[in-house]
N, C-alpha and C. Protein backbone atom coordinates (compact mmCIF):
# COMPACT_ATOMS: atom_id res chain seq x y z
N MET A 1 4.54 -98.17 50.40
CA MET A 1 3.87 -98.23 49.11
C MET A 1 3.78 -96.83 48.51
N ARG A 2 4.21 -96.70 47.24
CA ARG A 2 4.24 -95.42 46.57
C ARG A 2 2.93 -95.19 45.81
N ASP A 3 2.44 -93.97 45.87
CA ASP A 3 1.24 -93.58 45.14
C ASP A 3 1.62 -93.32 43.69
N ASP A 4 1.09 -94.11 42.74
CA ASP A 4 1.44 -93.97 41.33
C ASP A 4 1.02 -92.64 40.73
N MET A 5 0.06 -91.97 41.33
CA MET A 5 -0.38 -90.68 40.81
C MET A 5 0.34 -89.52 41.50
N ALA A 6 1.33 -89.83 42.29
CA ALA A 6 2.06 -88.79 43.01
C ALA A 6 2.92 -87.97 42.05
N ILE A 7 3.02 -86.69 42.35
CA ILE A 7 3.92 -85.83 41.60
C ILE A 7 5.34 -86.17 42.01
N ARG A 8 6.18 -86.40 41.02
CA ARG A 8 7.57 -86.79 41.27
C ARG A 8 8.51 -85.69 40.78
N GLU A 9 9.62 -85.54 41.48
CA GLU A 9 10.65 -84.60 41.06
C GLU A 9 11.59 -85.33 40.11
N ALA A 10 11.97 -84.65 39.02
CA ALA A 10 12.81 -85.29 38.01
C ALA A 10 13.76 -84.27 37.38
N LYS A 11 14.84 -84.80 36.85
CA LYS A 11 15.74 -84.01 36.02
C LYS A 11 15.45 -84.43 34.59
N LEU A 12 15.23 -83.45 33.72
CA LEU A 12 14.87 -83.75 32.34
C LEU A 12 16.11 -83.95 31.48
N LYS A 13 16.01 -84.95 30.61
CA LYS A 13 17.07 -85.25 29.64
C LYS A 13 16.40 -85.31 28.27
N THR A 14 16.17 -84.15 27.69
CA THR A 14 15.26 -84.05 26.55
C THR A 14 15.94 -83.82 25.19
N LEU A 15 17.26 -83.79 25.13
CA LEU A 15 17.91 -83.48 23.85
C LEU A 15 17.58 -84.48 22.76
N ASN A 16 17.26 -85.72 23.13
CA ASN A 16 16.97 -86.74 22.11
C ASN A 16 15.47 -86.99 21.94
N MET A 17 14.62 -86.15 22.50
CA MET A 17 13.19 -86.47 22.48
C MET A 17 12.54 -86.30 21.11
N LEU A 18 13.26 -85.76 20.14
CA LEU A 18 12.70 -85.57 18.80
C LEU A 18 13.15 -86.65 17.83
N LYS A 19 13.76 -87.70 18.33
CA LYS A 19 14.35 -88.72 17.45
C LYS A 19 13.34 -89.36 16.50
N ASP A 20 12.07 -89.41 16.87
CA ASP A 20 11.05 -90.03 16.03
C ASP A 20 10.18 -89.01 15.29
N ILE A 21 10.60 -87.74 15.32
CA ILE A 21 9.83 -86.67 14.66
C ILE A 21 10.48 -86.34 13.32
N ASP A 22 9.67 -86.15 12.32
CA ASP A 22 10.15 -85.81 10.98
C ASP A 22 10.75 -84.39 11.01
N PRO A 23 12.03 -84.25 10.64
CA PRO A 23 12.66 -82.92 10.63
C PRO A 23 11.99 -81.94 9.68
N ASP A 24 11.18 -82.44 8.74
CA ASP A 24 10.47 -81.55 7.82
C ASP A 24 9.15 -81.05 8.39
N ASP A 25 8.79 -81.53 9.60
CA ASP A 25 7.57 -81.06 10.27
C ASP A 25 7.66 -79.55 10.47
N ALA A 26 6.56 -78.86 10.25
CA ALA A 26 6.53 -77.39 10.33
C ALA A 26 7.00 -76.86 11.68
N ASP A 27 6.78 -77.62 12.75
CA ASP A 27 7.14 -77.15 14.08
C ASP A 27 8.42 -77.79 14.63
N TYR A 28 9.15 -78.49 13.78
CA TYR A 28 10.35 -79.19 14.26
C TYR A 28 11.35 -78.22 14.90
N CYS A 29 11.62 -77.11 14.28
CA CYS A 29 12.60 -76.14 14.84
C CYS A 29 12.13 -75.60 16.19
N LEU A 30 10.84 -75.35 16.32
CA LEU A 30 10.29 -74.90 17.59
C LEU A 30 10.52 -75.95 18.67
N TRP A 31 10.18 -77.20 18.37
CA TRP A 31 10.32 -78.26 19.38
C TRP A 31 11.79 -78.59 19.65
N GLU A 32 12.66 -78.33 18.70
CA GLU A 32 14.09 -78.48 18.93
C GLU A 32 14.55 -77.47 19.99
N LYS A 33 14.05 -76.24 19.89
CA LYS A 33 14.36 -75.20 20.88
C LYS A 33 13.76 -75.56 22.24
N ILE A 34 12.54 -76.08 22.23
CA ILE A 34 11.88 -76.48 23.47
C ILE A 34 12.66 -77.60 24.15
N ALA A 35 13.08 -78.60 23.37
CA ALA A 35 13.84 -79.72 23.93
C ALA A 35 15.14 -79.23 24.56
N ALA A 36 15.83 -78.32 23.89
CA ALA A 36 17.08 -77.77 24.42
C ALA A 36 16.82 -76.95 25.67
N TYR A 37 15.72 -76.20 25.69
CA TYR A 37 15.37 -75.36 26.84
C TYR A 37 15.06 -76.22 28.07
N MET A 38 14.40 -77.35 27.86
CA MET A 38 14.01 -78.24 28.96
C MET A 38 15.17 -79.08 29.49
N ASP A 39 16.14 -79.37 28.63
CA ASP A 39 17.21 -80.30 28.98
C ASP A 39 17.98 -79.85 30.22
N GLY A 40 18.10 -80.76 31.17
CA GLY A 40 18.83 -80.49 32.40
C GLY A 40 18.03 -79.79 33.47
N GLU A 41 16.81 -79.39 33.16
CA GLU A 41 15.99 -78.67 34.12
C GLU A 41 15.34 -79.63 35.13
N MET A 42 15.12 -79.12 36.32
CA MET A 42 14.38 -79.86 37.34
C MET A 42 12.90 -79.64 37.05
N ALA A 43 12.13 -80.74 37.13
CA ALA A 43 10.72 -80.67 36.76
C ALA A 43 9.88 -81.53 37.69
N LEU A 44 8.58 -81.33 37.56
CA LEU A 44 7.60 -82.16 38.24
C LEU A 44 6.87 -82.98 37.18
N VAL A 45 6.76 -84.28 37.43
CA VAL A 45 6.11 -85.19 36.48
C VAL A 45 5.23 -86.17 37.25
N ILE A 46 4.32 -86.81 36.53
CA ILE A 46 3.46 -87.84 37.09
C ILE A 46 3.53 -89.03 36.14
N GLU A 47 3.60 -90.24 36.69
CA GLU A 47 3.53 -91.42 35.83
C GLU A 47 2.17 -91.42 35.15
N SER A 48 2.18 -91.56 33.84
CA SER A 48 0.94 -91.48 33.08
C SER A 48 0.08 -92.73 33.25
N SER A 49 -1.21 -92.50 33.39
CA SER A 49 -2.15 -93.62 33.40
C SER A 49 -2.73 -93.81 32.00
N ALA A 50 -2.57 -92.82 31.13
CA ALA A 50 -3.10 -92.89 29.77
C ALA A 50 -2.08 -93.41 28.76
N GLU A 51 -0.82 -93.06 28.96
CA GLU A 51 0.25 -93.47 28.05
C GLU A 51 1.20 -94.36 28.84
N ASP A 52 1.01 -95.65 28.75
CA ASP A 52 1.75 -96.62 29.54
C ASP A 52 3.27 -96.43 29.44
N GLY A 53 3.91 -96.32 30.60
CA GLY A 53 5.35 -96.19 30.66
C GLY A 53 5.87 -94.78 30.48
N LYS A 54 5.01 -93.84 30.18
CA LYS A 54 5.45 -92.46 29.97
C LYS A 54 5.14 -91.61 31.19
N TYR A 55 5.69 -90.41 31.17
CA TYR A 55 5.46 -89.45 32.25
C TYR A 55 4.72 -88.24 31.69
N LEU A 56 3.81 -87.74 32.48
CA LEU A 56 3.08 -86.52 32.15
C LEU A 56 3.87 -85.35 32.73
N PHE A 57 4.25 -84.42 31.87
CA PHE A 57 4.96 -83.23 32.31
C PHE A 57 3.99 -82.31 33.03
N VAL A 58 4.35 -81.88 34.24
CA VAL A 58 3.51 -80.96 35.01
C VAL A 58 4.07 -79.55 34.93
N ALA A 59 5.34 -79.37 35.29
CA ALA A 59 5.93 -78.03 35.31
C ALA A 59 7.43 -78.12 35.54
N LEU A 60 8.12 -77.06 35.16
CA LEU A 60 9.51 -76.90 35.59
C LEU A 60 9.47 -76.34 37.00
N LYS A 61 10.45 -76.69 37.81
CA LYS A 61 10.48 -76.18 39.19
C LYS A 61 10.78 -74.69 39.24
N ASP A 62 11.58 -74.20 38.29
CA ASP A 62 11.89 -72.77 38.20
C ASP A 62 10.67 -72.09 37.57
N LYS A 63 9.97 -71.29 38.34
CA LYS A 63 8.69 -70.70 37.90
C LYS A 63 8.82 -69.79 36.67
N GLU A 64 9.89 -69.00 36.61
CA GLU A 64 10.08 -68.11 35.45
C GLU A 64 10.37 -68.92 34.19
N LYS A 65 11.22 -69.95 34.32
CA LYS A 65 11.51 -70.80 33.17
C LYS A 65 10.27 -71.59 32.76
N ASP A 66 9.46 -71.98 33.73
CA ASP A 66 8.24 -72.71 33.43
C ASP A 66 7.29 -71.85 32.61
N LYS A 67 7.16 -70.60 32.98
CA LYS A 67 6.30 -69.68 32.23
C LYS A 67 6.79 -69.55 30.80
N GLU A 68 8.09 -69.36 30.64
CA GLU A 68 8.65 -69.20 29.29
C GLU A 68 8.48 -70.48 28.48
N LEU A 69 8.68 -71.62 29.10
CA LEU A 69 8.50 -72.90 28.42
C LEU A 69 7.07 -73.06 27.92
N HIS A 70 6.11 -72.75 28.78
CA HIS A 70 4.71 -72.88 28.36
C HIS A 70 4.38 -71.92 27.21
N TYR A 71 4.94 -70.72 27.24
CA TYR A 71 4.71 -69.82 26.11
C TYR A 71 5.31 -70.39 24.84
N MET A 72 6.51 -70.96 24.94
CA MET A 72 7.13 -71.59 23.77
C MET A 72 6.23 -72.71 23.23
N MET A 73 5.71 -73.54 24.11
CA MET A 73 4.83 -74.64 23.69
C MET A 73 3.56 -74.11 23.03
N GLU A 74 3.12 -72.95 23.45
CA GLU A 74 1.91 -72.34 22.88
C GLU A 74 2.12 -71.83 21.46
N GLN A 75 3.36 -71.88 20.97
CA GLN A 75 3.64 -71.43 19.61
C GLN A 75 3.48 -72.55 18.58
N ASP A 76 3.16 -73.76 19.03
CA ASP A 76 2.95 -74.89 18.14
C ASP A 76 1.78 -74.58 17.20
N SER A 77 2.00 -74.75 15.91
CA SER A 77 0.98 -74.36 14.93
C SER A 77 -0.28 -75.22 14.97
N ARG A 78 -0.20 -76.42 15.53
CA ARG A 78 -1.39 -77.28 15.61
C ARG A 78 -2.15 -77.12 16.92
N PHE A 79 -1.43 -76.87 18.01
CA PHE A 79 -2.05 -76.91 19.33
C PHE A 79 -2.00 -75.59 20.08
N GLY A 80 -1.20 -74.65 19.61
CA GLY A 80 -1.01 -73.40 20.33
C GLY A 80 -2.26 -72.53 20.34
N ILE A 81 -2.54 -71.94 21.47
CA ILE A 81 -3.68 -71.04 21.62
C ILE A 81 -3.21 -69.57 21.61
N TYR A 82 -1.96 -69.34 22.04
CA TYR A 82 -1.44 -67.97 22.18
C TYR A 82 -0.34 -67.69 21.16
N ILE A 83 -0.53 -68.11 19.92
CA ILE A 83 0.48 -67.91 18.89
C ILE A 83 0.69 -66.42 18.66
N ASP A 84 1.93 -65.99 18.91
CA ASP A 84 2.32 -64.58 18.78
C ASP A 84 1.43 -63.64 19.60
N ASP A 85 0.93 -64.12 20.72
CA ASP A 85 0.07 -63.30 21.59
C ASP A 85 0.62 -63.33 23.02
N ARG A 86 1.81 -62.77 23.18
CA ARG A 86 2.47 -62.78 24.48
C ARG A 86 1.67 -62.00 25.52
N GLU A 87 1.08 -60.90 25.10
CA GLU A 87 0.35 -60.06 26.05
C GLU A 87 -0.80 -60.83 26.71
N GLN A 88 -1.61 -61.53 25.90
CA GLN A 88 -2.73 -62.30 26.47
C GLN A 88 -2.22 -63.47 27.30
N PHE A 89 -1.16 -64.13 26.83
CA PHE A 89 -0.58 -65.22 27.59
C PHE A 89 -0.13 -64.73 28.97
N ASP A 90 0.64 -63.64 28.99
CA ASP A 90 1.13 -63.09 30.27
C ASP A 90 -0.03 -62.71 31.19
N GLU A 91 -1.06 -62.10 30.62
CA GLU A 91 -2.22 -61.71 31.42
C GLU A 91 -2.89 -62.95 32.04
N ASP A 92 -3.10 -63.98 31.23
CA ASP A 92 -3.74 -65.20 31.73
C ASP A 92 -2.85 -65.93 32.73
N TRP A 93 -1.56 -66.02 32.44
CA TRP A 93 -0.63 -66.71 33.34
C TRP A 93 -0.58 -65.98 34.70
N ASP A 94 -0.39 -64.68 34.64
CA ASP A 94 -0.21 -63.89 35.86
C ASP A 94 -1.48 -63.84 36.72
N SER A 95 -2.65 -64.04 36.11
CA SER A 95 -3.90 -64.05 36.87
C SER A 95 -4.36 -65.48 37.18
N ASN A 96 -3.48 -66.45 36.95
CA ASN A 96 -3.77 -67.88 37.21
C ASN A 96 -4.94 -68.40 36.38
N ASN A 97 -5.16 -67.82 35.20
CA ASN A 97 -6.21 -68.29 34.31
C ASN A 97 -5.68 -69.13 33.15
N TYR A 98 -4.37 -69.37 33.14
CA TYR A 98 -3.78 -70.16 32.05
C TYR A 98 -3.97 -71.65 32.30
N GLU A 99 -4.39 -72.35 31.27
CA GLU A 99 -4.45 -73.81 31.28
C GLU A 99 -3.98 -74.30 29.94
N PRO A 100 -3.00 -75.21 29.92
CA PRO A 100 -2.55 -75.74 28.63
C PRO A 100 -3.70 -76.50 27.96
N ASP A 101 -3.68 -76.49 26.64
CA ASP A 101 -4.75 -77.13 25.87
C ASP A 101 -4.35 -78.57 25.50
N GLY A 102 -3.83 -79.30 26.46
CA GLY A 102 -3.41 -80.67 26.20
C GLY A 102 -2.35 -81.09 27.18
N CYS A 103 -1.88 -82.31 27.01
CA CYS A 103 -0.87 -82.87 27.89
C CYS A 103 0.42 -83.11 27.12
N HIS A 104 1.53 -83.00 27.82
CA HIS A 104 2.84 -83.27 27.22
C HIS A 104 3.41 -84.50 27.91
N TYR A 105 3.63 -85.54 27.11
CA TYR A 105 4.16 -86.80 27.64
C TYR A 105 5.63 -86.91 27.33
N LEU A 106 6.36 -87.48 28.28
CA LEU A 106 7.80 -87.70 28.12
C LEU A 106 8.10 -89.19 28.24
N ASP A 107 8.97 -89.67 27.36
CA ASP A 107 9.42 -91.05 27.45
C ASP A 107 10.30 -91.21 28.69
N PRO A 108 10.34 -92.42 29.25
CA PRO A 108 11.16 -92.66 30.44
C PRO A 108 12.63 -92.27 30.26
N GLY A 109 13.15 -92.39 29.06
CA GLY A 109 14.54 -92.01 28.80
C GLY A 109 14.79 -90.52 28.87
N ASN A 110 13.73 -89.73 28.90
CA ASN A 110 13.86 -88.28 28.98
C ASN A 110 13.67 -87.75 30.39
N VAL A 111 13.49 -88.69 31.34
CA VAL A 111 13.17 -88.32 32.73
C VAL A 111 14.05 -89.11 33.69
N GLU A 112 14.76 -88.41 34.54
CA GLU A 112 15.53 -89.05 35.61
C GLU A 112 14.81 -88.74 36.94
N ILE A 113 14.10 -89.73 37.46
CA ILE A 113 13.35 -89.53 38.70
C ILE A 113 14.34 -89.37 39.86
N LEU A 114 14.13 -88.35 40.66
CA LEU A 114 15.07 -88.05 41.75
C LEU A 114 14.56 -88.44 43.11
N ASP A 115 13.25 -88.56 43.29
CA ASP A 115 12.72 -88.90 44.61
C ASP A 115 12.24 -90.34 44.61
N GLY A 116 12.85 -91.16 45.44
CA GLY A 116 12.53 -92.56 45.68
C GLY A 116 11.67 -93.18 44.69
């Protein structure tokens, strides 16, 4: 029996994850870069209990790429806390004081589960 809250290893397939987003959205170009950056990367995900059928993104397995990805996500004009503040982000990340200000959900089509 598999634990539904278990962290799962996955390969991300994110190039099409913006299909339902308005290209005129102020952050569309940012998220287009984020989707391209994530695509093909190995990641850790959890099956969401809040968003039925979706996966909660935990981290990229490559620690340096994960740090860069989180900084990119922090540039979102609605949700970003470290907009154009790389120094504070690096300080918080490197001292293990960084916490994202929300969750990132992925559709099942953007996640290829690799472990059983």
